[in-house]
Amino acid sequence: IGQYLAPSANHYPVRRFVEPAEFAELESAA
């Protein structure tokens, strides 16, 4: 599970940056 980063301005925009704590919670849930 990783953070989406738009490769260019022509790509789908990032809607939000996910905090490291949320990644940890998702890892735990998985």
ModelCIF file with pLDDT and N, C-alpha, C, O atoms, coordinates in Angstrom:
data_MODEL
#
_entry.id   MODEL 
#
_entity.id                         1 
_entity.type                       polymer 
_entity.pdbx_number_of_molecules   1 
#
_entity_poly.entity_id                      1 
_entity_poly.type                           'polypeptide(L)' 
_entity_poly.nstd_linkage                   no 
_entity_poly.nstd_monomer                   no 
_entity_poly.pdbx_seq_one_letter_code       IGQYLAPSANHYPVRRFVEPAEFAELESAA 
_entity_poly.pdbx_seq_one_letter_code_can   IGQYLAPSANHYPVRRFVEPAEFAELESAA 
_entity_poly.pdbx_strand_id                 A 
#
loop_
_entity_poly_seq.entity_id 
_entity_poly_seq.num 
_entity_poly_seq.mon_id 
_entity_poly_seq.hetero 
1 1  ILE n 
1 2  GLY n 
1 3  GLN n 
1 4  TYR n 
1 5  LEU n 
1 6  ALA n 
1 7  PRO n 
1 8  SER n 
1 9  ALA n 
1 10 ASN n 
1 11 HIS n 
1 12 TYR n 
1 13 PRO n 
1 14 VAL n 
1 15 ARG n 
1 16 ARG n 
1 17 PHE n 
1 18 VAL n 
1 19 GLU n 
1 20 PRO n 
1 21 ALA n 
1 22 GLU n 
1 23 PHE n 
1 24 ALA n 
1 25 GLU n 
1 26 LEU n 
1 27 GLU n 
1 28 SER n 
1 29 ALA n 
1 30 ALA n 
#
_struct_asym.id          A 
_struct_asym.entity_id   1 
#
loop_
_ma_qa_metric.id 
_ma_qa_metric.mode 
_ma_qa_metric.name 
_ma_qa_metric.software_group_id 
_ma_qa_metric.type 
1 global pLDDT . pLDDT 
2 local  pLDDT . pLDDT 
#
_ma_qa_metric_global.metric_id      1 
_ma_qa_metric_global.metric_value   95.53 
_ma_qa_metric_global.model_id       1 
_ma_qa_metric_global.ordinal_id     1 
#
loop_
_ma_qa_metric_local.label_asym_id 
_ma_qa_metric_local.label_comp_id 
_ma_qa_metric_local.label_seq_id 
_ma_qa_metric_local.metric_id 
_ma_qa_metric_local.metric_value 
_ma_qa_metric_local.model_id 
_ma_qa_metric_local.ordinal_id 
A ILE 1  2 96.00 1 1  
A GLY 2  2 95.00 1 2  
A GLN 3  2 96.00 1 3  
A TYR 4  2 95.00 1 4  
A LEU 5  2 94.00 1 5  
A ALA 6  2 92.00 1 6  
A PRO 7  2 91.00 1 7  
A SER 8  2 93.00 1 8  
A ALA 9  2 93.00 1 9  
A ASN 10 2 92.00 1 10 
A HIS 11 2 91.00 1 11 
A TYR 12 2 93.00 1 12 
A PRO 13 2 95.00 1 13 
A VAL 14 2 96.00 1 14 
A ARG 15 2 96.00 1 15 
A ARG 16 2 96.00 1 16 
A PHE 17 2 97.00 1 17 
A VAL 18 2 97.00 1 18 
A GLU 19 2 96.00 1 19 
A PRO 20 2 96.00 1 20 
A ALA 21 2 97.00 1 21 
A GLU 22 2 97.00 1 22 
A PHE 23 2 97.00 1 23 
A ALA 24 2 98.00 1 24 
A GLU 25 2 98.00 1 25 
A LEU 26 2 98.00 1 26 
A GLU 27 2 97.00 1 27 
A SER 28 2 98.00 1 28 
A ALA 29 2 98.00 1 29 
A ALA 30 2 98.00 1 30 
#
loop_
_atom_site.group_PDB 
_atom_site.id 
_atom_site.type_symbol 
_atom_site.label_atom_id 
_atom_site.label_alt_id 
_atom_site.label_comp_id 
_atom_site.label_asym_id 
_atom_site.label_entity_id 
_atom_site.label_seq_id 
_atom_site.pdbx_PDB_ins_code 
_atom_site.Cartn_x 
_atom_site.Cartn_y 
_atom_site.Cartn_z 
_atom_site.occupancy 
_atom_site.B_iso_or_equiv 
_atom_site.pdbx_formal_charge 
_atom_site.auth_seq_id 
_atom_site.auth_comp_id 
_atom_site.auth_asym_id 
_atom_site.auth_atom_id 
_atom_site.pdbx_PDB_model_num 
ATOM 1   N N  . ILE A 1 1  ? 0.873  -1.179 0.000   1.00 96.00 ? 1  ILE A N  1 
ATOM 2   C CA . ILE A 1 1  ? 0.000  0.000  0.000   1.00 96.00 ? 1  ILE A CA 1 
ATOM 3   C C  . ILE A 1 1  ? 0.904  1.221  0.000   1.00 96.00 ? 1  ILE A C  1 
ATOM 4   O O  . ILE A 1 1  ? 1.713  1.402  0.910   1.00 96.00 ? 1  ILE A O  1 
ATOM 5   N N  . GLY A 1 2  ? 0.768  2.059  -1.021  1.00 95.00 ? 2  GLY A N  1 
ATOM 6   C CA . GLY A 1 2  ? 1.603  3.246  -1.127  1.00 95.00 ? 2  GLY A CA 1 
ATOM 7   C C  . GLY A 1 2  ? 0.802  4.490  -1.443  1.00 95.00 ? 2  GLY A C  1 
ATOM 8   O O  . GLY A 1 2  ? -0.376 4.419  -1.795  1.00 95.00 ? 2  GLY A O  1 
ATOM 9   N N  . GLN A 1 3  ? 1.449  5.620  -1.313  1.00 96.00 ? 3  GLN A N  1 
ATOM 10  C CA . GLN A 1 3  ? 0.830  6.914  -1.624  1.00 96.00 ? 3  GLN A CA 1 
ATOM 11  C C  . GLN A 1 3  ? 0.879  7.151  -3.125  1.00 96.00 ? 3  GLN A C  1 
ATOM 12  O O  . GLN A 1 3  ? 1.938  7.034  -3.743  1.00 96.00 ? 3  GLN A O  1 
ATOM 13  N N  . TYR A 1 4  ? -0.268 7.483  -3.713  1.00 95.00 ? 4  TYR A N  1 
ATOM 14  C CA . TYR A 1 4  ? -0.292 7.870  -5.116  1.00 95.00 ? 4  TYR A CA 1 
ATOM 15  C C  . TYR A 1 4  ? 0.371  9.235  -5.253  1.00 95.00 ? 4  TYR A C  1 
ATOM 16  O O  . TYR A 1 4  ? 0.084  10.157 -4.490  1.00 95.00 ? 4  TYR A O  1 
ATOM 17  N N  . LEU A 1 5  ? 1.247  9.350  -6.219  1.00 94.00 ? 5  LEU A N  1 
ATOM 18  C CA . LEU A 1 5  ? 1.894  10.613 -6.551  1.00 94.00 ? 5  LEU A CA 1 
ATOM 19  C C  . LEU A 1 5  ? 1.726  10.818 -8.046  1.00 94.00 ? 5  LEU A C  1 
ATOM 20  O O  . LEU A 1 5  ? 2.210  10.010 -8.838  1.00 94.00 ? 5  LEU A O  1 
ATOM 21  N N  . ALA A 1 6  ? 1.053  11.878 -8.441  1.00 92.00 ? 6  ALA A N  1 
ATOM 22  C CA . ALA A 1 6  ? 0.804  12.134 -9.866  1.00 92.00 ? 6  ALA A CA 1 
ATOM 23  C C  . ALA A 1 6  ? 2.133  12.334 -10.590 1.00 92.00 ? 6  ALA A C  1 
ATOM 24  O O  . ALA A 1 6  ? 2.930  13.182 -10.188 1.00 92.00 ? 6  ALA A O  1 
ATOM 25  N N  . PRO A 1 7  ? 2.386  11.565 -11.654 1.00 91.00 ? 7  PRO A N  1 
ATOM 26  C CA . PRO A 1 7  ? 3.653  11.703 -12.373 1.00 91.00 ? 7  PRO A CA 1 
ATOM 27  C C  . PRO A 1 7  ? 3.809  13.040 -13.099 1.00 91.00 ? 7  PRO A C  1 
ATOM 28  O O  . PRO A 1 7  ? 4.927  13.494 -13.339 1.00 91.00 ? 7  PRO A O  1 
ATOM 29  N N  . SER A 1 8  ? 2.696  13.661 -13.441 1.00 93.00 ? 8  SER A N  1 
ATOM 30  C CA . SER A 1 8  ? 2.752  14.964 -14.116 1.00 93.00 ? 8  SER A CA 1 
ATOM 31  C C  . SER A 1 8  ? 1.444  15.697 -13.875 1.00 93.00 ? 8  SER A C  1 
ATOM 32  O O  . SER A 1 8  ? 0.498  15.136 -13.323 1.00 93.00 ? 8  SER A O  1 
ATOM 33  N N  . ALA A 1 9  ? 1.398  16.939 -14.288 1.00 93.00 ? 9  ALA A N  1 
ATOM 34  C CA . ALA A 1 9  ? 0.169  17.734 -14.143 1.00 93.00 ? 9  ALA A CA 1 
ATOM 35  C C  . ALA A 1 9  ? -0.945 17.202 -15.036 1.00 93.00 ? 9  ALA A C  1 
ATOM 36  O O  . ALA A 1 9  ? -2.110 17.544 -14.834 1.00 93.00 ? 9  ALA A O  1 
ATOM 37  N N  . ASN A 1 10 ? -0.613 16.380 -16.010 1.00 92.00 ? 10 ASN A N  1 
ATOM 38  C CA . ASN A 1 10 ? -1.613 15.808 -16.920 1.00 92.00 ? 10 ASN A CA 1 
ATOM 39  C C  . ASN A 1 10 ? -2.259 14.542 -16.368 1.00 92.00 ? 10 ASN A C  1 
ATOM 40  O O  . ASN A 1 10 ? -3.203 14.018 -16.960 1.00 92.00 ? 10 ASN A O  1 
ATOM 41  N N  . HIS A 1 11 ? -1.762 14.053 -15.247 1.00 91.00 ? 11 HIS A N  1 
ATOM 42  C CA . HIS A 1 11 ? -2.296 12.834 -14.649 1.00 91.00 ? 11 HIS A CA 1 
ATOM 43  C C  . HIS A 1 11 ? -3.344 13.164 -13.591 1.00 91.00 ? 11 HIS A C  1 
ATOM 44  O O  . HIS A 1 11 ? -3.497 14.312 -13.171 1.00 91.00 ? 11 HIS A O  1 
ATOM 45  N N  . TYR A 1 12 ? -4.051 12.135 -13.181 1.00 93.00 ? 12 TYR A N  1 
ATOM 46  C CA . TYR A 1 12 ? -5.059 12.278 -12.135 1.00 93.00 ? 12 TYR A CA 1 
ATOM 47  C C  . TYR A 1 12 ? -4.409 12.941 -10.923 1.00 93.00 ? 12 TYR A C  1 
ATOM 48  O O  . TYR A 1 12 ? -3.318 12.536 -10.520 1.00 93.00 ? 12 TYR A O  1 
ATOM 49  N N  . PRO A 1 13 ? -5.041 13.934 -10.340 1.00 95.00 ? 13 PRO A N  1 
ATOM 50  C CA . PRO A 1 13 ? -4.418 14.651 -9.215  1.00 95.00 ? 13 PRO A CA 1 
ATOM 51  C C  . PRO A 1 13 ? -4.471 13.871 -7.901  1.00 95.00 ? 13 PRO A C  1 
ATOM 52  O O  . PRO A 1 13 ? -5.369 13.059 -7.677  1.00 95.00 ? 13 PRO A O  1 
ATOM 53  N N  . VAL A 1 14 ? -3.503 14.134 -7.052  1.00 96.00 ? 14 VAL A N  1 
ATOM 54  C CA . VAL A 1 14 ? -3.524 13.598 -5.697  1.00 96.00 ? 14 VAL A CA 1 
ATOM 55  C C  . VAL A 1 14 ? -4.667 14.289 -4.960  1.00 96.00 ? 14 VAL A C  1 
ATOM 56  O O  . VAL A 1 14 ? -4.754 15.517 -4.962  1.00 96.00 ? 14 VAL A O  1 
ATOM 57  N N  . ARG A 1 15 ? -5.533 13.516 -4.338  1.00 96.00 ? 15 ARG A N  1 
ATOM 58  C CA . ARG A 1 15 ? -6.652 14.092 -3.584  1.00 96.00 ? 15 ARG A CA 1 
ATOM 59  C C  . ARG A 1 15 ? -6.274 14.378 -2.135  1.00 96.00 ? 15 ARG A C  1 
ATOM 60  O O  . ARG A 1 15 ? -6.768 15.324 -1.522  1.00 96.00 ? 15 ARG A O  1 
ATOM 61  N N  . ARG A 1 16 ? -5.387 13.542 -1.602  1.00 96.00 ? 16 ARG A N  1 
ATOM 62  C CA . ARG A 1 16 ? -4.919 13.783 -0.234  1.00 96.00 ? 16 ARG A CA 1 
ATOM 63  C C  . ARG A 1 16 ? -3.637 13.000 0.009   1.00 96.00 ? 16 ARG A C  1 
ATOM 64  O O  . ARG A 1 16 ? -3.383 11.968 -0.613  1.00 96.00 ? 16 ARG A O  1 
ATOM 65  N N  . PHE A 1 17 ? -2.840 13.523 0.932   1.00 97.00 ? 17 PHE A N  1 
ATOM 66  C CA . PHE A 1 17 ? -1.645 12.819 1.356   1.00 97.00 ? 17 PHE A CA 1 
ATOM 67  C C  . PHE A 1 17 ? -1.987 12.050 2.631   1.00 97.00 ? 17 PHE A C  1 
ATOM 68  O O  . PHE A 1 17 ? -2.464 12.626 3.609   1.00 97.00 ? 17 PHE A O  1 
ATOM 69  N N  . VAL A 1 18 ? -1.742 10.774 2.603   1.00 97.00 ? 18 VAL A N  1 
ATOM 70  C CA . VAL A 1 18 ? -2.082 9.891  3.709   1.00 97.00 ? 18 VAL A CA 1 
ATOM 71  C C  . VAL A 1 18 ? -0.958 9.953  4.745   1.00 97.00 ? 18 VAL A C  1 
ATOM 72  O O  . VAL A 1 18 ? 0.221  9.835  4.411   1.00 97.00 ? 18 VAL A O  1 
ATOM 73  N N  . GLU A 1 19 ? -1.339 10.136 5.981   1.00 96.00 ? 19 GLU A N  1 
ATOM 74  C CA . GLU A 1 19 ? -0.371 10.246 7.070   1.00 96.00 ? 19 GLU A CA 1 
ATOM 75  C C  . GLU A 1 19 ? 0.269  8.881  7.369   1.00 96.00 ? 19 GLU A C  1 
ATOM 76  O O  . GLU A 1 19 ? -0.380 7.849  7.201   1.00 96.00 ? 19 GLU A O  1 
ATOM 77  N N  . PRO A 1 20 ? 1.523  8.867  7.805   1.00 96.00 ? 20 PRO A N  1 
ATOM 78  C CA . PRO A 1 20 ? 2.185  7.608  8.150   1.00 96.00 ? 20 PRO A CA 1 
ATOM 79  C C  . PRO A 1 20 ? 1.400  6.771  9.160   1.00 96.00 ? 20 PRO A C  1 
ATOM 80  O O  . PRO A 1 20 ? 1.399  5.544  9.071   1.00 96.00 ? 20 PRO A O  1 
ATOM 81  N N  . ALA A 1 21 ? 0.739  7.414  10.112  1.00 97.00 ? 21 ALA A N  1 
ATOM 82  C CA . ALA A 1 21 ? -0.049 6.667  11.103  1.00 97.00 ? 21 ALA A CA 1 
ATOM 83  C C  . ALA A 1 21 ? -1.180 5.891  10.437  1.00 97.00 ? 21 ALA A C  1 
ATOM 84  O O  . ALA A 1 21 ? -1.508 4.784  10.863  1.00 97.00 ? 21 ALA A O  1 
ATOM 85  N N  . GLU A 1 22 ? -1.778 6.464  9.396   1.00 97.00 ? 22 GLU A N  1 
ATOM 86  C CA . GLU A 1 22 ? -2.851 5.755  8.700   1.00 97.00 ? 22 GLU A CA 1 
ATOM 87  C C  . GLU A 1 22 ? -2.299 4.554  7.933   1.00 97.00 ? 22 GLU A C  1 
ATOM 88  O O  . GLU A 1 22 ? -2.943 3.507  7.865   1.00 97.00 ? 22 GLU A O  1 
ATOM 89  N N  . PHE A 1 23 ? -1.105 4.707  7.354   1.00 97.00 ? 23 PHE A N  1 
ATOM 90  C CA . PHE A 1 23 ? -0.475 3.555  6.693   1.00 97.00 ? 23 PHE A CA 1 
ATOM 91  C C  . PHE A 1 23 ? -0.240 2.444  7.711   1.00 97.00 ? 23 PHE A C  1 
ATOM 92  O O  . PHE A 1 23 ? -0.472 1.271  7.418   1.00 97.00 ? 23 PHE A O  1 
ATOM 93  N N  . ALA A 1 24 ? 0.216  2.808  8.900   1.00 98.00 ? 24 ALA A N  1 
ATOM 94  C CA . ALA A 1 24 ? 0.457  1.811  9.951   1.00 98.00 ? 24 ALA A CA 1 
ATOM 95  C C  . ALA A 1 24 ? -0.848 1.114  10.332  1.00 98.00 ? 24 ALA A C  1 
ATOM 96  O O  . ALA A 1 24 ? -0.865 -0.097 10.548  1.00 98.00 ? 24 ALA A O  1 
ATOM 97  N N  . GLU A 1 25 ? -1.935 1.875  10.415  1.00 98.00 ? 25 GLU A N  1 
ATOM 98  C CA . GLU A 1 25 ? -3.235 1.281  10.742  1.00 98.00 ? 25 GLU A CA 1 
ATOM 99  C C  . GLU A 1 25 ? -3.695 0.326  9.637   1.00 98.00 ? 25 GLU A C  1 
ATOM 100 O O  . GLU A 1 25 ? -4.227 -0.748 9.920   1.00 98.00 ? 25 GLU A O  1 
ATOM 101 N N  . LEU A 1 26 ? -3.487 0.719  8.385   1.00 98.00 ? 26 LEU A N  1 
ATOM 102 C CA . LEU A 1 26 ? -3.874 -0.143 7.268   1.00 98.00 ? 26 LEU A CA 1 
ATOM 103 C C  . LEU A 1 26 ? -3.033 -1.419 7.250   1.00 98.00 ? 26 LEU A C  1 
ATOM 104 O O  . LEU A 1 26 ? -3.549 -2.504 6.980   1.00 98.00 ? 26 LEU A O  1 
ATOM 105 N N  . GLU A 1 27 ? -1.750 -1.287 7.537   1.00 97.00 ? 27 GLU A N  1 
ATOM 106 C CA . GLU A 1 27 ? -0.885 -2.463 7.594   1.00 97.00 ? 27 GLU A CA 1 
ATOM 107 C C  . GLU A 1 27 ? -1.356 -3.415 8.687   1.00 97.00 ? 27 GLU A C  1 
ATOM 108 O O  . GLU A 1 27 ? -1.418 -4.626 8.478   1.00 97.00 ? 27 GLU A O  1 
ATOM 109 N N  . SER A 1 28 ? -1.683 -2.873 9.836   1.00 98.00 ? 28 SER A N  1 
ATOM 110 C CA . SER A 1 28 ? -2.173 -3.686 10.947  1.00 98.00 ? 28 SER A CA 1 
ATOM 111 C C  . SER A 1 28 ? -3.479 -4.381 10.575  1.00 98.00 ? 28 SER A C  1 
ATOM 112 O O  . SER A 1 28 ? -3.646 -5.572 10.835  1.00 98.00 ? 28 SER A O  1 
ATOM 113 N N  . ALA A 1 29 ? -4.395 -3.647 9.972   1.00 98.00 ? 29 ALA A N  1 
ATOM 114 C CA . ALA A 1 29 ? -5.670 -4.234 9.557   1.00 98.00 ? 29 ALA A CA 1 
ATOM 115 C C  . ALA A 1 29 ? -5.449 -5.358 8.555   1.00 98.00 ? 29 ALA A C  1 
ATOM 116 O O  . ALA A 1 29 ? -6.101 -6.400 8.634   1.00 98.00 ? 29 ALA A O  1 
ATOM 117 N N  . ALA A 1 30 ? -4.530 -5.152 7.609   1.00 98.00 ? 30 ALA A N  1 
ATOM 118 C CA . ALA A 1 30 ? -4.248 -6.175 6.601   1.00 98.00 ? 30 ALA A CA 1 
ATOM 119 C C  . ALA A 1 30 ? -3.668 -7.428 7.250   1.00 98.00 ? 30 ALA A C  1 
ATOM 120 O O  . ALA A 1 30 ? -3.367 -8.399 6.556   1.00 98.00 ? 30 ALA A O  1 
#
